[in-house]
Amino acid sequence: MSQPVQPAINTATRLCAVYGSPIRHSASPAMHNAAFAALGLNWRYLAFEVDPKNLRAAIEGAKVMGFAGINLTVPHKLLAVDMVDVLDESAKRWGAVNTIRFGPEGAVGFNTDADAIVAALREDLKLELRGARVLLLGAGGAGRTAALKLASEHVAELFLVNRTETKADAVAGEIIERFPSVKVLVGYPKTPVDLVLNATSLGLKADDASPLDEKQFSLKQARCVYDMIYRPAETALLHAAKAAGCRTANGLGMLLHQGAKAFEIWTGQPAPLDVMRRALEQNIYGH
């Protein structure tokens, strides 16, 4: 079957982009450009390496140049909360911005990550979150959003581990205040869990240390392991989890669902989910 061909770039072409640091691993351009082509839209999606100190200027630059919108990835999601003109309810609720739409009201910040995390866990791991025991690695932008969303889904217990313990303490305090029925603890559990979720960037590089200290928690005590990283498709953590007999999944599903929602926010059209999934699989797995 022949692939849809995008219209030639011209003065009417709308632009979107993803900002991150690092950004070379991103599969978002492949996913979004395939979606634009499938719908015959004269749109293009680009990727830019943006240093955190230049983020405000980069957002303003996209706004003044008439971009339709941008996505934000590591390490920009928390920083951008104070850099947009309007916060959508989703960004207010989860306290991070990963999608911006530019329009008459200026730069509007959204969070499409939270719902995407839950969709991916249910789809890829067949995991029921209500009543689950979860070990969450990372309390930065993605980790904080994941922690709050998991708490809202009524997990029974949430164990937070972060390199800087004060960050984990702050997230735990927020959960205690907002979701008092959820038991939240900072540190590794002593008993088995239903899910280990990696929300750190450890694993992006081949020589990265594992985000999990196996001296403190053995993967044999986990039923499922989800890594938000999707490139490499199998991180050292997922490799070890498979060897320990866990059900595993990488971050492709989360990327797909947050991207589909961003696509709909920008274009006002339903996202071609199957097209976007195929484009991601081709880009990440090569098939």
C-alpha atoms as a PDB file:
ATOM      1  CA  MET A   1       0.000   0.000   0.000  1.00  0.00           C
ATOM      2  CA  SER A   2       1.468   3.384  -0.962  1.00  0.00           C
ATOM      3  CA  GLN A   3       2.173   5.881   1.795  1.00  0.00           C
ATOM      4  CA  PRO A   4       0.241   9.174   1.781  1.00  0.00           C
ATOM      5  CA  VAL A   5       2.409  12.024   0.505  1.00  0.00           C
ATOM      6  CA  GLN A   6       2.417  15.341   2.325  1.00  0.00           C
ATOM      7  CA  PRO A   7       1.795  18.490   0.297  1.00  0.00           C
ATOM      8  CA  ALA A   8       4.956  20.379  -0.650  1.00  0.00           C
ATOM      9  CA  ILE A   9       6.141  22.915   1.929  1.00  0.00           C
ATOM     10  CA  ASN A  10       4.938  26.389   1.012  1.00  0.00           C
ATOM     11  CA  THR A  11       3.945  29.668   2.638  1.00  0.00           C
ATOM     12  CA  ALA A  12       0.763  28.084   4.034  1.00  0.00           C
ATOM     13  CA  THR A  13       2.558  25.193   5.825  1.00  0.00           C
ATOM     14  CA  ARG A  14       1.780  25.051   9.555  1.00  0.00           C
ATOM     15  CA  LEU A  15       4.619  24.084  11.871  1.00  0.00           C
ATOM     16  CA  CYS A  16       4.811  22.125  15.133  1.00  0.00           C
ATOM     17  CA  ALA A  17       7.888  20.953  17.007  1.00  0.00           C
ATOM     18  CA  VAL A  18       9.257  19.196  20.051  1.00  0.00           C
ATOM     19  CA  TYR A  19      11.807  20.851  22.346  1.00  0.00           C
ATOM     20  CA  GLY A  20      14.101  18.798  24.542  1.00  0.00           C
ATOM     21  CA  SER A  21      17.628  18.278  25.793  1.00  0.00           C
ATOM     22  CA  PRO A  22      18.635  15.698  24.635  1.00  0.00           C
ATOM     23  CA  ILE A  23      16.340  15.419  21.598  1.00  0.00           C
ATOM     24  CA  ARG A  24      18.090  13.190  19.040  1.00  0.00           C
ATOM     25  CA  HIS A  25      16.275  10.080  20.296  1.00  0.00           C
ATOM     26  CA  SER A  26      12.808  11.556  19.666  1.00  0.00           C
ATOM     27  CA  ALA A  27      10.366   9.589  17.511  1.00  0.00           C
ATOM     28  CA  SER A  28       7.726  12.338  17.689  1.00  0.00           C
ATOM     29  CA  PRO A  29       8.519  13.789  14.212  1.00  0.00           C
ATOM     30  CA  ALA A  30       7.981  10.391  12.578  1.00  0.00           C
ATOM     31  CA  MET A  31       4.654   9.921  14.373  1.00  0.00           C
ATOM     32  CA  HIS A  32       3.221  13.379  13.725  1.00  0.00           C
ATOM     33  CA  ASN A  33       4.399  13.768  10.138  1.00  0.00           C
ATOM     34  CA  ALA A  34       2.811  10.407   9.286  1.00  0.00           C
ATOM     35  CA  ALA A  35      -0.445  11.617  10.875  1.00  0.00           C
ATOM     36  CA  PHE A  36      -0.379  14.928   8.972  1.00  0.00           C
ATOM     37  CA  ALA A  37       0.231  13.044   5.699  1.00  0.00           C
ATOM     38  CA  ALA A  38      -2.589  10.570   6.387  1.00  0.00           C
ATOM     39  CA  LEU A  39      -5.055  13.440   6.798  1.00  0.00           C
ATOM     40  CA  GLY A  40      -3.649  15.424   3.860  1.00  0.00           C
ATOM     41  CA  LEU A  41      -2.691  18.344   6.112  1.00  0.00           C
ATOM     42  CA  ASN A  42      -0.104  20.859   4.957  1.00  0.00           C
ATOM     43  CA  TRP A  43       1.662  20.666   8.326  1.00  0.00           C
ATOM     44  CA  ARG A  44       5.194  19.671   9.387  1.00  0.00           C
ATOM     45  CA  TYR A  45       6.680  18.609  12.731  1.00  0.00           C
ATOM     46  CA  LEU A  46      10.299  19.312  13.672  1.00  0.00           C
ATOM     47  CA  ALA A  47      12.615  18.592  16.622  1.00  0.00           C
ATOM     48  CA  PHE A  48      14.898  21.118  18.325  1.00  0.00           C
ATOM     49  CA  GLU A  49      17.620  20.770  20.950  1.00  0.00           C
ATOM     50  CA  VAL A  50      16.782  23.538  23.439  1.00  0.00           C
ATOM     51  CA  ASP A  51      18.883  24.250  26.513  1.00  0.00           C
ATOM     52  CA  PRO A  52      16.685  24.892  29.594  1.00  0.00           C
ATOM     53  CA  LYS A  53      18.106  28.419  29.941  1.00  0.00           C
ATOM     54  CA  ASN A  54      16.796  29.211  26.443  1.00  0.00           C
ATOM     55  CA  LEU A  55      13.361  27.620  26.850  1.00  0.00           C
ATOM     56  CA  ARG A  56      11.422  30.838  27.441  1.00  0.00           C
ATOM     57  CA  ALA A  57      12.978  32.453  24.347  1.00  0.00           C
ATOM     58  CA  ALA A  58      12.333  29.302  22.277  1.00  0.00           C
ATOM     59  CA  ILE A  59       8.631  29.228  23.264  1.00  0.00           C
ATOM     60  CA  GLU A  60       8.304  32.940  22.489  1.00  0.00           C
ATOM     61  CA  GLY A  61      10.089  32.399  19.165  1.00  0.00           C
ATOM     62  CA  ALA A  62       7.643  29.686  18.103  1.00  0.00           C
ATOM     63  CA  LYS A  63       4.742  31.931  19.121  1.00  0.00           C
ATOM     64  CA  VAL A  64       5.890  34.968  17.136  1.00  0.00           C
ATOM     65  CA  MET A  65       6.721  32.819  14.095  1.00  0.00           C
ATOM     66  CA  GLY A  66       3.174  31.469  14.014  1.00  0.00           C
ATOM     67  CA  PHE A  67       3.805  27.840  14.992  1.00  0.00           C
ATOM     68  CA  ALA A  68       0.603  25.886  15.628  1.00  0.00           C
ATOM     69  CA  GLY A  69       2.073  24.295  18.731  1.00  0.00           C
ATOM     70  CA  ILE A  70       4.956  22.514  20.410  1.00  0.00           C
ATOM     71  CA  ASN A  71       5.626  19.510  22.613  1.00  0.00           C
ATOM     72  CA  LEU A  72       8.058  19.585  25.515  1.00  0.00           C
ATOM     73  CA  THR A  73      10.132  16.687  26.762  1.00  0.00           C
ATOM     74  CA  VAL A  74      12.960  16.280  29.300  1.00  0.00           C
ATOM     75  CA  PRO A  75      13.819  18.579  31.101  1.00  0.00           C
ATOM     76  CA  HIS A  76      11.262  21.261  30.204  1.00  0.00           C
ATOM     77  CA  LYS A  77       7.864  20.120  31.513  1.00  0.00           C
ATOM     78  CA  LEU A  78       7.984  21.756  34.942  1.00  0.00           C
ATOM     79  CA  LEU A  79       9.829  24.882  33.772  1.00  0.00           C
ATOM     80  CA  ALA A  80       7.193  25.660  31.154  1.00  0.00           C
ATOM     81  CA  VAL A  81       4.394  25.981  33.725  1.00  0.00           C
ATOM     82  CA  ASP A  82       5.584  29.556  34.380  1.00  0.00           C
ATOM     83  CA  MET A  83       6.294  30.321  30.713  1.00  0.00           C
ATOM     84  CA  VAL A  84       2.857  30.034  29.091  1.00  0.00           C
ATOM     85  CA  ASP A  85       0.097  32.663  28.944  1.00  0.00           C
ATOM     86  CA  VAL A  86      -2.721  30.320  29.969  1.00  0.00           C
ATOM     87  CA  LEU A  87      -2.746  26.965  31.788  1.00  0.00           C
ATOM     88  CA  ASP A  88      -5.371  24.462  30.661  1.00  0.00           C
ATOM     89  CA  GLU A  89      -7.114  22.542  33.457  1.00  0.00           C
ATOM     90  CA  SER A  90      -4.980  19.460  32.661  1.00  0.00           C
ATOM     91  CA  ALA A  91      -1.736  21.388  33.244  1.00  0.00           C
ATOM     92  CA  LYS A  92      -3.102  22.932  36.453  1.00  0.00           C
ATOM     93  CA  ARG A  93      -4.172  19.546  37.766  1.00  0.00           C
ATOM     94  CA  TRP A  94      -0.944  17.677  37.032  1.00  0.00           C
ATOM     95  CA  GLY A  95       1.458  20.597  37.453  1.00  0.00           C
ATOM     96  CA  ALA A  96       3.452  20.077  34.252  1.00  0.00           C
ATOM     97  CA  VAL A  97       3.218  21.187  30.618  1.00  0.00           C
ATOM     98  CA  ASN A  98       4.152  18.874  27.741  1.00  0.00           C
ATOM     99  CA  THR A  99       1.986  20.432  25.003  1.00  0.00           C
ATOM    100  CA  ILE A 100       1.530  24.076  24.012  1.00  0.00           C
ATOM    101  CA  ARG A 101      -1.009  25.444  21.540  1.00  0.00           C
ATOM    102  CA  PHE A 102      -0.536  28.918  20.088  1.00  0.00           C
ATOM    103  CA  GLY A 103      -3.641  30.942  19.252  1.00  0.00           C
ATOM    104  CA  PRO A 104      -5.498  34.204  19.911  1.00  0.00           C
ATOM    105  CA  GLU A 105      -5.146  33.684  23.687  1.00  0.00           C
ATOM    106  CA  GLY A 106      -1.372  33.268  23.352  1.00  0.00           C
ATOM    107  CA  ALA A 107       0.521  30.176  24.474  1.00  0.00           C
ATOM    108  CA  VAL A 108      -1.809  27.691  26.197  1.00  0.00           C
ATOM    109  CA  GLY A 109      -0.157  24.896  28.193  1.00  0.00           C
ATOM    110  CA  PHE A 110      -1.681  21.405  28.394  1.00  0.00           C
ATOM    111  CA  ASN A 111      -0.694  18.102  29.964  1.00  0.00           C
ATOM    112  CA  THR A 112      -1.384  15.074  27.764  1.00  0.00           C
ATOM    113  CA  ASP A 113       1.058  12.794  29.634  1.00  0.00           C
ATOM    114  CA  ALA A 114      -1.102  11.842  32.616  1.00  0.00           C
ATOM    115  CA  ASP A 115      -3.902  10.132  30.692  1.00  0.00           C
ATOM    116  CA  ALA A 116      -1.338   8.600  28.317  1.00  0.00           C
ATOM    117  CA  ILE A 117       0.491   6.857  31.186  1.00  0.00           C
ATOM    118  CA  VAL A 118      -2.683   5.125  32.354  1.00  0.00           C
ATOM    119  CA  ALA A 119      -3.758   4.197  28.800  1.00  0.00           C
ATOM    120  CA  ALA A 120      -0.351   2.629  28.111  1.00  0.00           C
ATOM    121  CA  LEU A 121      -0.250   0.657  31.385  1.00  0.00           C
ATOM    122  CA  ARG A 122      -3.706  -0.775  30.750  1.00  0.00           C
ATOM    123  CA  GLU A 123      -3.082  -1.461  27.056  1.00  0.00           C
ATOM    124  CA  ASP A 124       0.475  -2.818  27.185  1.00  0.00           C
ATOM    125  CA  LEU A 125       0.575  -4.540  30.582  1.00  0.00           C
ATOM    126  CA  LYS A 126      -3.143  -5.294  31.143  1.00  0.00           C
ATOM    127  CA  LEU A 127      -2.668  -3.751  34.573  1.00  0.00           C
ATOM    128  CA  GLU A 128      -5.553  -2.721  36.809  1.00  0.00           C
ATOM    129  CA  LEU A 129      -4.311   0.245  38.822  1.00  0.00           C
ATOM    130  CA  ARG A 130      -6.997   0.413  41.505  1.00  0.00           C
ATOM    131  CA  GLY A 131      -5.569  -1.299  44.578  1.00  0.00           C
ATOM    132  CA  ALA A 132      -2.135  -1.839  42.988  1.00  0.00           C
ATOM    133  CA  ARG A 133       1.197  -1.429  44.793  1.00  0.00           C
ATOM    134  CA  VAL A 134       3.591   0.688  42.707  1.00  0.00           C
ATOM    135  CA  LEU A 135       7.289   1.546  42.943  1.00  0.00           C
ATOM    136  CA  LEU A 136       7.891   4.774  41.012  1.00  0.00           C
ATOM    137  CA  LEU A 137      11.447   5.732  40.057  1.00  0.00           C
ATOM    138  CA  GLY A 138      11.840   9.484  39.533  1.00  0.00           C
ATOM    139  CA  ALA A 139      10.076  12.559  40.914  1.00  0.00           C
ATOM    140  CA  GLY A 140      10.901  15.122  38.206  1.00  0.00           C
ATOM    141  CA  GLY A 141       8.422  16.381  35.595  1.00  0.00           C
ATOM    142  CA  ALA A 142       7.327  12.980  34.275  1.00  0.00           C
ATOM    143  CA  GLY A 143       7.621  11.297  37.687  1.00  0.00           C
ATOM    144  CA  ARG A 144       5.546  13.870  39.512  1.00  0.00           C
ATOM    145  CA  THR A 145       2.795  13.703  36.881  1.00  0.00           C
ATOM    146  CA  ALA A 146       2.835   9.903  37.017  1.00  0.00           C
ATOM    147  CA  ALA A 147       2.682   9.869  40.824  1.00  0.00           C
ATOM    148  CA  LEU A 148      -0.304  12.211  40.964  1.00  0.00           C
ATOM    149  CA  LYS A 149      -2.145  10.395  38.179  1.00  0.00           C
ATOM    150  CA  LEU A 150      -1.559   6.968  39.754  1.00  0.00           C
ATOM    151  CA  ALA A 151      -2.836   8.325  43.066  1.00  0.00           C
ATOM    152  CA  SER A 152      -5.966   9.624  41.308  1.00  0.00           C
ATOM    153  CA  GLU A 153      -6.510   6.097  39.930  1.00  0.00           C
ATOM    154  CA  HIS A 154      -6.677   4.807  43.537  1.00  0.00           C
ATOM    155  CA  VAL A 155      -3.527   2.720  43.712  1.00  0.00           C
ATOM    156  CA  ALA A 156      -3.254   1.279  47.223  1.00  0.00           C
ATOM    157  CA  GLU A 157       0.406   2.057  47.879  1.00  0.00           C
ATOM    158  CA  LEU A 158       2.950   4.241  46.117  1.00  0.00           C
ATOM    159  CA  PHE A 159       6.678   4.041  46.849  1.00  0.00           C
ATOM    160  CA  LEU A 160       8.688   7.011  45.563  1.00  0.00           C
ATOM    161  CA  VAL A 161      12.419   6.812  44.863  1.00  0.00           C
ATOM    162  CA  ASN A 162      14.394   9.783  43.564  1.00  0.00           C
ATOM    163  CA  ARG A 163      18.077  10.708  43.451  1.00  0.00           C
ATOM    164  CA  THR A 164      17.253  13.913  45.342  1.00  0.00           C
ATOM    165  CA  GLU A 165      15.120  12.685  48.241  1.00  0.00           C
ATOM    166  CA  THR A 166      13.648  16.127  48.980  1.00  0.00           C
ATOM    167  CA  LYS A 167      11.911  16.038  45.572  1.00  0.00           C
ATOM    168  CA  ALA A 168      10.316  12.703  46.429  1.00  0.00           C
ATOM    169  CA  ASP A 169       9.302  14.091  49.834  1.00  0.00           C
ATOM    170  CA  ALA A 170       7.614  17.079  48.144  1.00  0.00           C
ATOM    171  CA  VAL A 171       5.636  14.826  45.768  1.00  0.00           C
ATOM    172  CA  ALA A 172       4.672  12.530  48.672  1.00  0.00           C
ATOM    173  CA  GLY A 173       3.407  15.548  50.611  1.00  0.00           C
ATOM    174  CA  GLU A 174       1.287  16.643  47.663  1.00  0.00           C
ATOM    175  CA  ILE A 175      -0.247  13.181  47.328  1.00  0.00           C
ATOM    176  CA  ILE A 176      -1.025  13.008  51.061  1.00  0.00           C
ATOM    177  CA  GLU A 177      -2.827  16.343  50.752  1.00  0.00           C
ATOM    178  CA  ARG A 178      -4.712  15.651  47.523  1.00  0.00           C
ATOM    179  CA  PHE A 179      -5.291  11.882  47.704  1.00  0.00           C
ATOM    180  CA  PRO A 180      -5.374  10.968  51.424  1.00  0.00           C
ATOM    181  CA  SER A 181      -6.660   7.430  50.800  1.00  0.00           C
ATOM    182  CA  VAL A 182      -3.404   6.482  49.016  1.00  0.00           C
ATOM    183  CA  LYS A 183      -0.572   5.233  51.211  1.00  0.00           C
ATOM    184  CA  VAL A 184       2.604   6.924  50.001  1.00  0.00           C
ATOM    185  CA  LEU A 185       6.137   6.240  51.217  1.00  0.00           C
ATOM    186  CA  VAL A 186       9.550   7.551  50.181  1.00  0.00           C
ATOM    187  CA  GLY A 187      12.012   4.702  49.633  1.00  0.00           C
ATOM    188  CA  TYR A 188      12.027   1.102  48.447  1.00  0.00           C
ATOM    189  CA  PRO A 189       9.305  -1.365  49.501  1.00  0.00           C
ATOM    190  CA  LYS A 190      10.185  -4.443  51.560  1.00  0.00           C
ATOM    191  CA  THR A 191       7.503  -6.610  49.942  1.00  0.00           C
ATOM    192  CA  PRO A 192       6.405  -7.382  46.344  1.00  0.00           C
ATOM    193  CA  VAL A 193       4.788  -4.769  44.060  1.00  0.00           C
ATOM    194  CA  ASP A 194       2.497  -4.976  41.047  1.00  0.00           C
ATOM    195  CA  LEU A 195       4.426  -2.384  39.049  1.00  0.00           C
ATOM    196  CA  VAL A 196       7.857  -0.775  38.827  1.00  0.00           C
ATOM    197  CA  LEU A 197       7.615   2.388  36.715  1.00  0.00           C
ATOM    198  CA  ASN A 198      10.742   4.204  35.498  1.00  0.00           C
ATOM    199  CA  ALA A 199      10.084   7.918  35.011  1.00  0.00           C
ATOM    200  CA  THR A 200      13.773   8.912  35.019  1.00  0.00           C
ATOM    201  CA  SER A 201      15.945   9.472  31.940  1.00  0.00           C
ATOM    202  CA  LEU A 202      18.404   6.776  33.110  1.00  0.00           C
ATOM    203  CA  GLY A 203      18.594   4.256  30.294  1.00  0.00           C
ATOM    204  CA  LEU A 204      18.621   6.711  27.390  1.00  0.00           C
ATOM    205  CA  LYS A 205      22.393   6.246  27.106  1.00  0.00           C
ATOM    206  CA  ALA A 206      24.085   2.839  26.874  1.00  0.00           C
ATOM    207  CA  ASP A 207      26.428   3.572  29.784  1.00  0.00           C
ATOM    208  CA  ASP A 208      23.701   4.861  32.143  1.00  0.00           C
ATOM    209  CA  ALA A 209      23.463   3.310  35.578  1.00  0.00           C
ATOM    210  CA  SER A 210      20.206   1.476  36.309  1.00  0.00           C
ATOM    211  CA  PRO A 211      17.495   3.668  37.847  1.00  0.00           C
ATOM    212  CA  LEU A 212      16.780   0.759  40.241  1.00  0.00           C
ATOM    213  CA  ASP A 213      19.058  -0.221  43.128  1.00  0.00           C
ATOM    214  CA  GLU A 214      18.665  -4.005  43.075  1.00  0.00           C
ATOM    215  CA  LYS A 215      20.475  -4.271  46.403  1.00  0.00           C
ATOM    216  CA  GLN A 216      17.433  -2.570  47.904  1.00  0.00           C
ATOM    217  CA  PHE A 217      14.720  -4.102  45.718  1.00  0.00           C
ATOM    218  CA  SER A 218      14.856  -7.238  43.558  1.00  0.00           C
ATOM    219  CA  LEU A 219      12.982  -7.329  40.248  1.00  0.00           C
ATOM    220  CA  LYS A 220      11.870 -10.838  41.210  1.00  0.00           C
ATOM    221  CA  GLN A 221       9.469  -9.025  43.558  1.00  0.00           C
ATOM    222  CA  ALA A 222       7.774  -7.107  40.703  1.00  0.00           C
ATOM    223  CA  ARG A 223       4.911  -8.383  38.567  1.00  0.00           C
ATOM    224  CA  CYS A 224       5.279  -5.733  35.822  1.00  0.00           C
ATOM    225  CA  VAL A 225       7.929  -3.202  34.784  1.00  0.00           C
ATOM    226  CA  TYR A 226       7.194  -0.168  32.590  1.00  0.00           C
ATOM    227  CA  ASP A 227       9.969   2.091  31.309  1.00  0.00           C
ATOM    228  CA  MET A 228       8.900   5.464  29.888  1.00  0.00           C
ATOM    229  CA  ILE A 229      12.026   5.363  27.692  1.00  0.00           C
ATOM    230  CA  TYR A 230      11.326   3.960  24.219  1.00  0.00           C
ATOM    231  CA  ARG A 231      14.740   4.374  22.604  1.00  0.00           C
ATOM    232  CA  PRO A 232      16.557   2.078  23.135  1.00  0.00           C
ATOM    233  CA  ALA A 233      13.497  -0.163  22.770  1.00  0.00           C
ATOM    234  CA  GLU A 234      14.855  -2.410  25.529  1.00  0.00           C
ATOM    235  CA  THR A 235      16.726  -0.586  28.278  1.00  0.00           C
ATOM    236  CA  ALA A 236      18.992  -2.398  30.734  1.00  0.00           C
ATOM    237  CA  LEU A 237      16.130  -2.192  33.253  1.00  0.00           C
ATOM    238  CA  LEU A 238      13.672  -3.911  30.897  1.00  0.00           C
ATOM    239  CA  HIS A 239      16.278  -6.511  29.939  1.00  0.00           C
ATOM    240  CA  ALA A 240      16.826  -7.355  33.605  1.00  0.00           C
ATOM    241  CA  ALA A 241      13.063  -7.341  34.261  1.00  0.00           C
ATOM    242  CA  LYS A 242      12.438  -9.840  31.455  1.00  0.00           C
ATOM    243  CA  ALA A 243      15.167 -12.095  32.861  1.00  0.00           C
ATOM    244  CA  ALA A 244      13.420 -11.890  36.259  1.00  0.00           C
ATOM    245  CA  GLY A 245      10.138 -13.049  34.694  1.00  0.00           C
ATOM    246  CA  CYS A 246       8.281  -9.706  34.799  1.00  0.00           C
ATOM    247  CA  ARG A 247       5.786  -8.518  32.204  1.00  0.00           C
ATOM    248  CA  THR A 248       7.456  -5.539  30.518  1.00  0.00           C
ATOM    249  CA  ALA A 249       6.716  -2.630  28.188  1.00  0.00           C
ATOM    250  CA  ASN A 250       8.626   0.414  26.985  1.00  0.00           C
ATOM    251  CA  GLY A 251       7.366   3.969  26.538  1.00  0.00           C
ATOM    252  CA  LEU A 252       6.037   3.640  22.976  1.00  0.00           C
ATOM    253  CA  GLY A 253       2.412   3.420  24.122  1.00  0.00           C
ATOM    254  CA  MET A 254       2.722   6.484  26.344  1.00  0.00           C
ATOM    255  CA  LEU A 255       4.378   8.452  23.516  1.00  0.00           C
ATOM    256  CA  LEU A 256       1.581   7.398  21.156  1.00  0.00           C
ATOM    257  CA  HIS A 257      -1.295   8.437  23.414  1.00  0.00           C
ATOM    258  CA  GLN A 258       0.182  11.761  24.567  1.00  0.00           C
ATOM    259  CA  GLY A 259       1.030  12.551  20.918  1.00  0.00           C
ATOM    260  CA  ALA A 260      -2.461  11.681  19.681  1.00  0.00           C
ATOM    261  CA  LYS A 261      -4.021  14.045  22.226  1.00  0.00           C
ATOM    262  CA  ALA A 262      -1.561  16.818  21.293  1.00  0.00           C
ATOM    263  CA  PHE A 263      -2.430  16.283  17.605  1.00  0.00           C
ATOM    264  CA  GLU A 264      -6.127  16.767  18.388  1.00  0.00           C
ATOM    265  CA  ILE A 265      -5.442  19.891  20.475  1.00  0.00           C
ATOM    266  CA  TRP A 266      -3.534  21.494  17.582  1.00  0.00           C
ATOM    267  CA  THR A 267      -5.569  20.380  14.577  1.00  0.00           C
ATOM    268  CA  GLY A 268      -9.070  19.961  16.006  1.00  0.00           C
ATOM    269  CA  GLN A 269      -9.277  16.622  14.157  1.00  0.00           C
ATOM    270  CA  PRO A 270      -9.350  13.040  15.490  1.00  0.00           C
ATOM    271  CA  ALA A 271      -5.854  11.553  15.551  1.00  0.00           C
ATOM    272  CA  PRO A 272      -5.220   8.626  13.151  1.00  0.00           C
ATOM    273  CA  LEU A 273      -4.028   6.366  15.980  1.00  0.00           C
ATOM    274  CA  ASP A 274      -3.185   3.300  13.842  1.00  0.00           C
ATOM    275  CA  VAL A 275      -1.102   5.409  11.439  1.00  0.00           C
ATOM    276  CA  MET A 276       0.767   6.997  14.340  1.00  0.00           C
ATOM    277  CA  ARG A 277       1.415   3.620  15.996  1.00  0.00           C
ATOM    278  CA  ARG A 278       2.766   2.115  12.753  1.00  0.00           C
ATOM    279  CA  ALA A 279       5.054   5.116  12.243  1.00  0.00           C
ATOM    280  CA  LEU A 280       6.437   4.747  15.771  1.00  0.00           C
ATOM    281  CA  GLU A 281       6.997   1.006  15.394  1.00  0.00           C
ATOM    282  CA  GLN A 282       8.803   1.570  12.086  1.00  0.00           C
ATOM    283  CA  ASN A 283      10.938   4.320  13.612  1.00  0.00           C
ATOM    284  CA  ILE A 284      11.786   2.547  16.864  1.00  0.00           C
ATOM    285  CA  TYR A 285      11.830  -1.131  15.895  1.00  0.00           C
ATOM    286  CA  GLY A 286      12.534  -0.803  12.157  1.00  0.00           C
ATOM    287  CA  HIS A 287       9.475  -2.850  11.149  1.00  0.00           C
END
